[in-house]
Amino acid sequence: MDKTDKRSYGGKQQRTVVQVPVKWSLCASGSDCRISVSVQGMDVEPERIIIGAGTEYLYGLIIQLLGYDRCYAVEDPGYQKISRIYEAQNVTCKFVAMDESGINIEALEQSGADILHISPAHHFPTGLVTPISRRYELLSWASRQEERYIIEDEYDSEFRLVGKPVPTLESIDVGENVIYINTFSKKSVFYNSYQLYGIAGKSDETI
């Protein structure tokens, strides 16, 4: 982590810059606050970023934004907390089968889902990384019907032993159908008991 803290007194502005892993950078200068994100080819404008303390809060916020009457799909098998949050929010949640490349496209179509919640960079519990060909298939699914969205949940995409990460869905999406979630390292910016998560979206109607 690279942290620079420039303080001056006598009426001059204070400027603090913090750079954290996953190439999120925050800059605060007086009353002006700007946030920029550069992650795996993404370039997101500050006004399209939402920061919150914890994924449960952000999942709930996404449901409020997209609608309680929508059908949400999650990976099967997958991280159980995600489906539990959707069920707690009283929204329809479908479980979509996986194959050797990730979410099975045929099963996804048959589910009738409007919103797909996936972790393509590191699926839990299999560790599967969705290849670029399947990512384009998922984007094609999202583009075939209005108001379809993909929630790209990259909880630990930057942790890799070898090779470069596959481009994010958000970075190759031209239809503005992807909502991207990533996290700040809890040990890099704040105390160990506090963790920040961020959502990035393209469509003004969404984020």
C-alpha atoms as a PDB file:
ATOM      1  CA  MET A   1       0.000   0.000   0.000  1.00  0.00           C
ATOM      2  CA  ASP A   2       1.203   3.497  -0.790  1.00  0.00           C
ATOM      3  CA  LYS A   3      -0.195   6.150   1.496  1.00  0.00           C
ATOM      4  CA  THR A   4       0.515   9.854   1.255  1.00  0.00           C
ATOM      5  CA  ASP A   5      -0.816  12.302   3.820  1.00  0.00           C
ATOM      6  CA  LYS A   6      -0.074  15.969   3.232  1.00  0.00           C
ATOM      7  CA  ARG A   7      -1.274  18.282   5.974  1.00  0.00           C
ATOM      8  CA  SER A   8      -0.902  22.048   6.128  1.00  0.00           C
ATOM      9  CA  TYR A   9      -2.428  24.690   8.331  1.00  0.00           C
ATOM     10  CA  GLY A  10      -3.206  28.372   8.133  1.00  0.00           C
ATOM     11  CA  GLY A  11      -6.232  27.982   5.855  1.00  0.00           C
ATOM     12  CA  LYS A  12      -4.621  25.767   3.226  1.00  0.00           C
ATOM     13  CA  GLN A  13      -6.381  22.641   1.997  1.00  0.00           C
ATOM     14  CA  GLN A  14      -5.548  19.246   3.403  1.00  0.00           C
ATOM     15  CA  ARG A  15      -5.029  16.514   0.809  1.00  0.00           C
ATOM     16  CA  THR A  16      -4.994  12.800   1.501  1.00  0.00           C
ATOM     17  CA  VAL A  17      -4.348  10.114  -1.113  1.00  0.00           C
ATOM     18  CA  VAL A  18      -4.668   6.428  -0.360  1.00  0.00           C
ATOM     19  CA  GLN A  19      -3.846   3.705  -2.861  1.00  0.00           C
ATOM     20  CA  VAL A  20      -5.078   0.233  -2.044  1.00  0.00           C
ATOM     21  CA  PRO A  21      -4.907  -3.225  -3.667  1.00  0.00           C
ATOM     22  CA  VAL A  22      -7.130  -4.007  -6.665  1.00  0.00           C
ATOM     23  CA  LYS A  23      -6.068  -0.592  -7.930  1.00  0.00           C
ATOM     24  CA  TRP A  24      -8.863   1.319  -6.228  1.00  0.00           C
ATOM     25  CA  SER A  25      -7.678   4.838  -5.380  1.00  0.00           C
ATOM     26  CA  LEU A  26      -9.358   7.414  -3.220  1.00  0.00           C
ATOM     27  CA  CYS A  27      -8.511  11.096  -3.226  1.00  0.00           C
ATOM     28  CA  ALA A  28     -10.019  13.623  -0.845  1.00  0.00           C
ATOM     29  CA  SER A  29      -9.193  17.300  -1.087  1.00  0.00           C
ATOM     30  CA  GLY A  30     -11.183  19.688   1.052  1.00  0.00           C
ATOM     31  CA  SER A  31     -14.869  19.293   0.226  1.00  0.00           C
ATOM     32  CA  ASP A  32     -14.097  17.712  -3.149  1.00  0.00           C
ATOM     33  CA  CYS A  33     -13.997  13.918  -3.116  1.00  0.00           C
ATOM     34  CA  ARG A  34     -13.232  11.810  -6.143  1.00  0.00           C
ATOM     35  CA  ILE A  35     -12.907   8.068  -6.521  1.00  0.00           C
ATOM     36  CA  SER A  36     -11.413   6.342  -9.532  1.00  0.00           C
ATOM     37  CA  VAL A  37     -11.262   2.659 -10.294  1.00  0.00           C
ATOM     38  CA  SER A  38      -8.844   0.844 -12.568  1.00  0.00           C
ATOM     39  CA  VAL A  39      -9.280  -2.910 -12.280  1.00  0.00           C
ATOM     40  CA  GLN A  40      -8.468  -5.333 -15.090  1.00  0.00           C
ATOM     41  CA  GLY A  41      -9.307  -2.925 -17.892  1.00  0.00           C
ATOM     42  CA  MET A  42     -12.243  -1.224 -16.187  1.00  0.00           C
ATOM     43  CA  ASP A  43     -12.520   2.560 -16.181  1.00  0.00           C
ATOM     44  CA  VAL A  44     -15.459   3.648 -14.037  1.00  0.00           C
ATOM     45  CA  GLU A  45     -16.663   7.202 -13.490  1.00  0.00           C
ATOM     46  CA  PRO A  46     -16.913   8.306  -9.839  1.00  0.00           C
ATOM     47  CA  GLU A  47     -20.660   8.975  -9.959  1.00  0.00           C
ATOM     48  CA  ARG A  48     -21.279   5.338 -10.878  1.00  0.00           C
ATOM     49  CA  ILE A  49     -19.621   3.904  -7.802  1.00  0.00           C
ATOM     50  CA  ILE A  50     -21.344   3.017  -4.537  1.00  0.00           C
ATOM     51  CA  ILE A  51     -19.306   2.150  -1.432  1.00  0.00           C
ATOM     52  CA  GLY A  52     -20.777   0.305   1.511  1.00  0.00           C
ATOM     53  CA  ALA A  53     -19.710  -1.585   4.624  1.00  0.00           C
ATOM     54  CA  GLY A  54     -20.331  -5.226   3.792  1.00  0.00           C
ATOM     55  CA  THR A  55     -21.729  -7.317   0.986  1.00  0.00           C
ATOM     56  CA  GLU A  56     -25.060  -7.942   2.703  1.00  0.00           C
ATOM     57  CA  TYR A  57     -25.806  -4.213   2.631  1.00  0.00           C
ATOM     58  CA  LEU A  58     -24.810  -3.912  -1.023  1.00  0.00           C
ATOM     59  CA  TYR A  59     -26.784  -6.988  -2.110  1.00  0.00           C
ATOM     60  CA  GLY A  60     -29.843  -5.471  -0.466  1.00  0.00           C
ATOM     61  CA  LEU A  61     -29.189  -2.172  -2.192  1.00  0.00           C
ATOM     62  CA  ILE A  62     -28.941  -3.879  -5.584  1.00  0.00           C
ATOM     63  CA  ILE A  63     -32.309  -5.533  -4.977  1.00  0.00           C
ATOM     64  CA  GLN A  64     -33.833  -2.139  -4.170  1.00  0.00           C
ATOM     65  CA  LEU A  65     -32.382  -0.669  -7.359  1.00  0.00           C
ATOM     66  CA  LEU A  66     -33.330  -3.510  -9.691  1.00  0.00           C
ATOM     67  CA  GLY A  67     -36.637  -4.462  -8.099  1.00  0.00           C
ATOM     68  CA  TYR A  68     -38.213  -6.976  -5.743  1.00  0.00           C
ATOM     69  CA  ASP A  69     -40.344  -8.376  -8.553  1.00  0.00           C
ATOM     70  CA  ARG A  70     -37.345  -9.637 -10.520  1.00  0.00           C
ATOM     71  CA  CYS A  71     -36.109 -13.237 -10.681  1.00  0.00           C
ATOM     72  CA  TYR A  72     -32.542 -13.599  -9.386  1.00  0.00           C
ATOM     73  CA  ALA A  73     -30.295 -16.557 -10.240  1.00  0.00           C
ATOM     74  CA  VAL A  74     -27.280 -17.857  -8.327  1.00  0.00           C
ATOM     75  CA  GLU A  75     -24.688 -20.555  -8.978  1.00  0.00           C
ATOM     76  CA  ASP A  76     -25.439 -24.148  -8.004  1.00  0.00           C
ATOM     77  CA  PRO A  77     -23.326 -25.137  -6.174  1.00  0.00           C
ATOM     78  CA  GLY A  78     -22.399 -21.730  -4.824  1.00  0.00           C
ATOM     79  CA  TYR A  79     -21.834 -19.523  -1.809  1.00  0.00           C
ATOM     80  CA  GLN A  80     -24.930 -20.136   0.312  1.00  0.00           C
ATOM     81  CA  LYS A  81     -24.939 -16.718   1.964  1.00  0.00           C
ATOM     82  CA  ILE A  82     -25.871 -15.075  -1.330  1.00  0.00           C
ATOM     83  CA  SER A  83     -29.049 -17.115  -1.808  1.00  0.00           C
ATOM     84  CA  ARG A  84     -29.950 -16.673   1.860  1.00  0.00           C
ATOM     85  CA  ILE A  85     -29.776 -12.900   1.500  1.00  0.00           C
ATOM     86  CA  TYR A  86     -32.050 -12.998  -1.534  1.00  0.00           C
ATOM     87  CA  GLU A  87     -34.499 -15.250   0.288  1.00  0.00           C
ATOM     88  CA  ALA A  88     -34.413 -12.941   3.328  1.00  0.00           C
ATOM     89  CA  GLN A  89     -35.308 -10.067   1.001  1.00  0.00           C
ATOM     90  CA  ASN A  90     -38.361 -12.063  -0.209  1.00  0.00           C
ATOM     91  CA  VAL A  91     -37.314 -12.132  -3.844  1.00  0.00           C
ATOM     92  CA  THR A  92     -37.476 -15.093  -6.203  1.00  0.00           C
ATOM     93  CA  CYS A  93     -34.117 -16.866  -6.279  1.00  0.00           C
ATOM     94  CA  LYS A  94     -33.318 -19.684  -8.723  1.00  0.00           C
ATOM     95  CA  PHE A  95     -30.347 -22.064  -8.551  1.00  0.00           C
ATOM     96  CA  VAL A  96     -28.643 -22.563 -11.910  1.00  0.00           C
ATOM     97  CA  ALA A  97     -26.429 -25.571 -12.594  1.00  0.00           C
ATOM     98  CA  MET A  98     -22.739 -25.260 -13.402  1.00  0.00           C
ATOM     99  CA  ASP A  99     -20.701 -27.109 -16.015  1.00  0.00           C
ATOM    100  CA  GLU A 100     -16.968 -27.274 -16.688  1.00  0.00           C
ATOM    101  CA  SER A 101     -16.949 -23.652 -17.937  1.00  0.00           C
ATOM    102  CA  GLY A 102     -19.193 -22.024 -15.352  1.00  0.00           C
ATOM    103  CA  ILE A 103     -22.904 -21.220 -15.427  1.00  0.00           C
ATOM    104  CA  ASN A 104     -24.684 -23.502 -17.901  1.00  0.00           C
ATOM    105  CA  ILE A 105     -26.287 -21.220 -20.503  1.00  0.00           C
ATOM    106  CA  GLU A 106     -29.161 -23.580 -21.321  1.00  0.00           C
ATOM    107  CA  ALA A 107     -30.012 -23.982 -17.638  1.00  0.00           C
ATOM    108  CA  LEU A 108     -29.851 -20.210 -17.228  1.00  0.00           C
ATOM    109  CA  GLU A 109     -32.328 -19.656 -20.049  1.00  0.00           C
ATOM    110  CA  GLN A 110     -34.680 -22.266 -18.612  1.00  0.00           C
ATOM    111  CA  SER A 111     -34.579 -20.662 -15.171  1.00  0.00           C
ATOM    112  CA  GLY A 112     -36.421 -17.568 -16.388  1.00  0.00           C
ATOM    113  CA  ALA A 113     -34.020 -15.345 -14.442  1.00  0.00           C
ATOM    114  CA  ASP A 114     -33.700 -11.603 -15.037  1.00  0.00           C
ATOM    115  CA  ILE A 115     -30.616 -11.095 -12.867  1.00  0.00           C
ATOM    116  CA  LEU A 116     -27.623 -13.429 -12.649  1.00  0.00           C
ATOM    117  CA  HIS A 117     -25.287 -13.270  -9.641  1.00  0.00           C
ATOM    118  CA  ILE A 118     -21.938 -14.981 -10.297  1.00  0.00           C
ATOM    119  CA  SER A 119     -18.271 -15.043  -9.254  1.00  0.00           C
ATOM    120  CA  PRO A 120     -16.539 -15.761 -12.586  1.00  0.00           C
ATOM    121  CA  ALA A 121     -13.003 -15.038 -11.360  1.00  0.00           C
ATOM    122  CA  HIS A 122     -13.080 -17.650  -8.580  1.00  0.00           C
ATOM    123  CA  HIS A 123     -16.165 -19.786  -8.123  1.00  0.00           C
ATOM    124  CA  PHE A 124     -16.927 -21.095  -4.666  1.00  0.00           C
ATOM    125  CA  PRO A 125     -16.515 -23.940  -3.783  1.00  0.00           C
ATOM    126  CA  THR A 126     -14.929 -25.374  -6.970  1.00  0.00           C
ATOM    127  CA  GLY A 127     -12.346 -22.642  -7.637  1.00  0.00           C
ATOM    128  CA  LEU A 128     -13.408 -22.573 -11.293  1.00  0.00           C
ATOM    129  CA  VAL A 129     -12.404 -19.555 -13.405  1.00  0.00           C
ATOM    130  CA  THR A 130     -14.978 -18.842 -16.125  1.00  0.00           C
ATOM    131  CA  PRO A 131     -13.157 -18.731 -19.500  1.00  0.00           C
ATOM    132  CA  ILE A 132     -13.492 -15.760 -21.814  1.00  0.00           C
ATOM    133  CA  SER A 133     -15.685 -17.691 -24.284  1.00  0.00           C
ATOM    134  CA  ARG A 134     -18.312 -18.389 -21.615  1.00  0.00           C
ATOM    135  CA  ARG A 135     -18.145 -14.791 -20.418  1.00  0.00           C
ATOM    136  CA  TYR A 136     -19.147 -13.628 -23.885  1.00  0.00           C
ATOM    137  CA  GLU A 137     -21.977 -16.173 -23.872  1.00  0.00           C
ATOM    138  CA  LEU A 138     -23.214 -14.734 -20.568  1.00  0.00           C
ATOM    139  CA  LEU A 139     -23.100 -11.208 -21.970  1.00  0.00           C
ATOM    140  CA  SER A 140     -25.038 -12.424 -25.002  1.00  0.00           C
ATOM    141  CA  TRP A 141     -27.677 -13.874 -22.657  1.00  0.00           C
ATOM    142  CA  ALA A 142     -27.967 -10.533 -20.878  1.00  0.00           C
ATOM    143  CA  SER A 143     -28.315  -8.603 -24.133  1.00  0.00           C
ATOM    144  CA  ARG A 144     -31.105 -10.749 -25.584  1.00  0.00           C
ATOM    145  CA  GLN A 145     -33.767  -9.279 -23.323  1.00  0.00           C
ATOM    146  CA  GLU A 146     -34.297  -5.844 -21.824  1.00  0.00           C
ATOM    147  CA  GLU A 147     -33.653  -5.343 -18.115  1.00  0.00           C
ATOM    148  CA  ARG A 148     -31.383  -8.359 -17.782  1.00  0.00           C
ATOM    149  CA  TYR A 149     -28.304  -7.788 -15.630  1.00  0.00           C
ATOM    150  CA  ILE A 150     -25.280  -9.714 -14.418  1.00  0.00           C
ATOM    151  CA  ILE A 151     -23.916  -9.085 -10.927  1.00  0.00           C
ATOM    152  CA  GLU A 152     -20.195  -9.813 -11.185  1.00  0.00           C
ATOM    153  CA  ASP A 153     -19.034 -10.545  -7.639  1.00  0.00           C
ATOM    154  CA  GLU A 154     -15.229 -10.586  -7.565  1.00  0.00           C
ATOM    155  CA  TYR A 155     -14.508 -11.095  -3.889  1.00  0.00           C
ATOM    156  CA  ASP A 156     -10.863 -12.171  -4.356  1.00  0.00           C
ATOM    157  CA  SER A 157     -10.088 -11.859  -8.051  1.00  0.00           C
ATOM    158  CA  GLU A 158      -6.695 -10.235  -7.471  1.00  0.00           C
ATOM    159  CA  PHE A 159      -5.290 -13.211  -5.584  1.00  0.00           C
ATOM    160  CA  ARG A 160      -3.557 -15.397  -8.171  1.00  0.00           C
ATOM    161  CA  LEU A 161      -0.561 -17.736  -8.033  1.00  0.00           C
ATOM    162  CA  VAL A 162       0.251 -17.708 -11.757  1.00  0.00           C
ATOM    163  CA  GLY A 163      -0.897 -16.041 -14.960  1.00  0.00           C
ATOM    164  CA  LYS A 164      -2.914 -12.953 -15.657  1.00  0.00           C
ATOM    165  CA  PRO A 165      -6.594 -12.645 -14.729  1.00  0.00           C
ATOM    166  CA  VAL A 166      -9.255 -13.126 -17.393  1.00  0.00           C
ATOM    167  CA  PRO A 167     -10.870  -9.773 -18.332  1.00  0.00           C
ATOM    168  CA  THR A 168     -13.842  -8.918 -16.167  1.00  0.00           C
ATOM    169  CA  LEU A 169     -17.325  -9.122 -17.632  1.00  0.00           C
ATOM    170  CA  GLU A 170     -17.684  -5.419 -16.927  1.00  0.00           C
ATOM    171  CA  SER A 171     -14.598  -4.558 -18.970  1.00  0.00           C
ATOM    172  CA  ILE A 172     -15.858  -6.376 -22.096  1.00  0.00           C
ATOM    173  CA  ASP A 173     -19.532  -5.472 -21.708  1.00  0.00           C
ATOM    174  CA  VAL A 174     -20.836  -3.095 -24.388  1.00  0.00           C
ATOM    175  CA  GLY A 175     -24.502  -3.330 -23.449  1.00  0.00           C
ATOM    176  CA  GLU A 176     -24.285  -1.846 -19.940  1.00  0.00           C
ATOM    177  CA  ASN A 177     -25.637  -5.036 -18.400  1.00  0.00           C
ATOM    178  CA  VAL A 178     -23.016  -5.680 -15.704  1.00  0.00           C
ATOM    179  CA  ILE A 179     -22.891  -4.541 -12.085  1.00  0.00           C
ATOM    180  CA  TYR A 180     -19.414  -5.157 -10.682  1.00  0.00           C
ATOM    181  CA  ILE A 181     -18.656  -5.790  -6.993  1.00  0.00           C
ATOM    182  CA  ASN A 182     -15.170  -5.862  -5.502  1.00  0.00           C
ATOM    183  CA  THR A 183     -13.645  -5.214  -2.097  1.00  0.00           C
ATOM    184  CA  PHE A 184     -11.003  -3.091  -0.464  1.00  0.00           C
ATOM    185  CA  SER A 185      -8.503  -5.065   1.609  1.00  0.00           C
ATOM    186  CA  LYS A 186      -9.615  -4.694   5.207  1.00  0.00           C
ATOM    187  CA  LYS A 187      -6.004  -4.587   6.358  1.00  0.00           C
ATOM    188  CA  SER A 188      -4.914  -1.886   3.937  1.00  0.00           C
ATOM    189  CA  VAL A 189      -7.145   1.063   4.672  1.00  0.00           C
ATOM    190  CA  PHE A 190      -9.094   0.698   7.883  1.00  0.00           C
ATOM    191  CA  TYR A 191      -8.925  -1.219  11.128  1.00  0.00           C
ATOM    192  CA  ASN A 192      -9.180  -4.993  10.938  1.00  0.00           C
ATOM    193  CA  SER A 193     -12.775  -4.937  12.169  1.00  0.00           C
ATOM    194  CA  TYR A 194     -13.941  -2.846   9.221  1.00  0.00           C
ATOM    195  CA  GLN A 195     -14.196  -3.753   5.562  1.00  0.00           C
ATOM    196  CA  LEU A 196     -15.414  -1.773   2.576  1.00  0.00           C
ATOM    197  CA  TYR A 197     -17.012  -3.121  -0.581  1.00  0.00           C
ATOM    198  CA  GLY A 198     -17.781  -1.252  -3.778  1.00  0.00           C
ATOM    199  CA  ILE A 199     -20.254  -1.538  -6.620  1.00  0.00           C
ATOM    200  CA  ALA A 200     -19.510  -0.170 -10.066  1.00  0.00           C
ATOM    201  CA  GLY A 201     -22.080   0.136 -12.822  1.00  0.00           C
ATOM    202  CA  LYS A 202     -22.389   1.730 -16.253  1.00  0.00           C
ATOM    203  CA  SER A 203     -26.058   2.495 -16.663  1.00  0.00           C
ATOM    204  CA  ASP A 204     -27.360   5.670 -15.031  1.00  0.00           C
ATOM    205  CA  GLU A 205     -30.655   3.892 -14.542  1.00  0.00           C
ATOM    206  CA  THR A 206     -28.976   1.248 -12.426  1.00  0.00           C
ATOM    207  CA  ILE A 207     -26.313   2.850 -10.272  1.00  0.00           C
END
